[in-house]
Amino acid sequence: ATFIPSIEIMEKEFFQSAPPGSSLKTTFIKGAREAAANGTKSFHDRLVAEAAASLQGYDAIMLAHFSMSTASELCKEVTDIPILTAPESAVRKLKSAVQG
């Protein structure tokens, strides 16, 4: 996550829709949001990828904010853990709802 005020609501949403017994570890990436806001998106993406590289033993890494999705390819280069993005997940959920 790159925006502290969003963490609580994102975690609540996760546990409302996740199967029982699921676990979640939220990582705050200090400076990433500010980098994106200041026009240094490449620095933002590097910070996100560095955070992804530091995670071990997880089933997936979710880039929780839409703005983080630009870092997905860099993240895939530094970890074998599957990378999920908010836009891709939102589209899957919408398709599922529409298709029934």
Protein backbone atom coordinates (compact mmCIF):
# COMPACT_ATOMS: atom_id res chain seq x y z
CA ALA A 1 0.00 0.00 0.00
CA THR A 2 1.16 3.53 -0.66
CA PHE A 3 -1.52 5.50 1.20
CA ILE A 4 -1.84 4.84 4.95
CA PRO A 5 -5.47 6.04 5.35
CA SER A 6 -6.62 3.41 2.83
CA ILE A 7 -5.09 0.41 4.59
CA GLU A 8 -7.80 -0.18 7.18
CA ILE A 9 -10.65 -0.16 4.66
CA MET A 10 -8.72 -2.35 2.19
CA GLU A 11 -7.99 -4.91 4.89
CA LYS A 12 -11.63 -4.92 5.98
CA GLU A 13 -12.74 -5.45 2.36
CA PHE A 14 -10.25 -8.29 1.95
CA PHE A 15 -11.51 -10.19 4.98
CA GLN A 16 -15.14 -9.66 3.98
CA SER A 17 -14.58 -11.42 0.65
CA ALA A 18 -11.71 -13.83 1.39
CA PRO A 19 -12.32 -17.46 2.27
CA PRO A 20 -12.25 -18.30 5.99
CA GLY A 21 -8.71 -18.87 7.23
CA SER A 22 -7.16 -16.46 4.74
CA SER A 23 -4.35 -14.26 5.93
CA LEU A 24 -3.06 -10.89 4.82
CA LYS A 25 0.14 -8.95 5.41
CA THR A 26 -0.02 -5.30 4.43
CA THR A 27 3.21 -3.55 3.55
CA PHE A 28 3.35 0.24 3.48
CA ILE A 29 5.80 1.57 0.90
CA LYS A 30 7.11 4.81 2.31
CA GLY A 31 7.72 7.52 -0.27
CA ALA A 32 6.03 5.77 -3.19
CA ARG A 33 2.87 7.88 -3.19
CA GLU A 34 4.88 11.09 -2.95
CA ALA A 35 7.13 9.98 -5.83
CA ALA A 36 4.11 9.37 -8.05
CA ALA A 37 2.54 12.70 -7.04
CA ASN A 38 5.81 14.51 -7.83
CA GLY A 39 6.00 13.05 -11.32
CA THR A 40 8.71 10.49 -10.64
CA LYS A 41 6.62 7.44 -11.48
CA SER A 42 9.72 5.38 -12.32
CA PHE A 43 11.01 5.94 -8.78
CA HIS A 44 7.57 4.98 -7.42
CA ASP A 45 7.67 1.78 -9.45
CA ARG A 46 11.19 0.93 -8.23
CA LEU A 47 10.10 1.40 -4.60
CA VAL A 48 7.13 -0.92 -5.17
CA ALA A 49 9.35 -3.53 -6.85
CA GLU A 50 11.89 -3.35 -4.00
CA ALA A 51 9.08 -4.01 -1.53
CA ALA A 52 7.86 -6.96 -3.62
CA ALA A 53 11.38 -8.39 -3.74
CA SER A 54 11.57 -8.34 0.05
CA LEU A 55 8.44 -10.49 0.48
CA GLN A 56 8.91 -14.24 0.80
CA GLY A 57 6.60 -17.18 1.45
CA TYR A 58 3.34 -15.67 0.19
CA ASP A 59 0.83 -17.11 -2.28
CA ALA A 60 0.43 -13.77 -4.06
CA ILE A 61 1.34 -10.11 -3.93
CA MET A 62 -1.50 -7.66 -4.52
CA LEU A 63 -0.61 -4.20 -5.76
CA ALA A 64 -3.55 -2.74 -3.91
CA HIS A 65 -3.86 0.70 -5.47
CA PHE A 66 -4.61 1.32 -9.13
CA SER A 67 -1.59 3.63 -9.24
CA MET A 68 0.67 0.72 -8.27
CA SER A 69 -0.24 -1.32 -11.35
CA THR A 70 2.46 0.40 -13.39
CA ALA A 71 5.01 -1.42 -11.23
CA SER A 72 3.67 -4.90 -11.97
CA GLU A 73 6.23 -5.78 -14.68
CA LEU A 74 9.14 -4.65 -12.49
CA CYS A 75 7.73 -6.71 -9.63
CA LYS A 76 7.49 -9.79 -11.85
CA GLU A 77 11.19 -9.37 -12.63
CA VAL A 78 12.23 -9.50 -8.98
CA THR A 79 9.98 -12.23 -7.53
CA ASP A 80 8.46 -15.57 -8.50
CA ILE A 81 5.38 -14.84 -6.39
CA PRO A 82 2.35 -14.10 -8.60
CA ILE A 83 1.64 -10.36 -8.87
CA LEU A 84 -1.99 -9.24 -8.82
CA THR A 85 -3.11 -5.70 -9.59
CA ALA A 86 -6.18 -3.77 -8.52
CA PRO A 87 -7.31 -3.00 -12.11
CA GLU A 88 -7.04 -6.63 -13.22
CA SER A 89 -8.85 -7.83 -10.11
CA ALA A 90 -11.61 -5.25 -10.55
CA VAL A 91 -12.15 -6.33 -14.16
CA ARG A 92 -12.33 -10.02 -13.15
CA LYS A 93 -14.86 -9.22 -10.44
CA LEU A 94 -16.96 -7.12 -12.81
CA LYS A 95 -16.91 -9.84 -15.50
CA SER A 96 -17.96 -12.42 -12.94
CA ALA A 97 -20.84 -10.23 -11.78
CA VAL A 98 -22.02 -9.54 -15.34
CA GLN A 99 -21.68 -13.11 -16.57
CA GLY A 100 -23.21 -14.54 -13.42
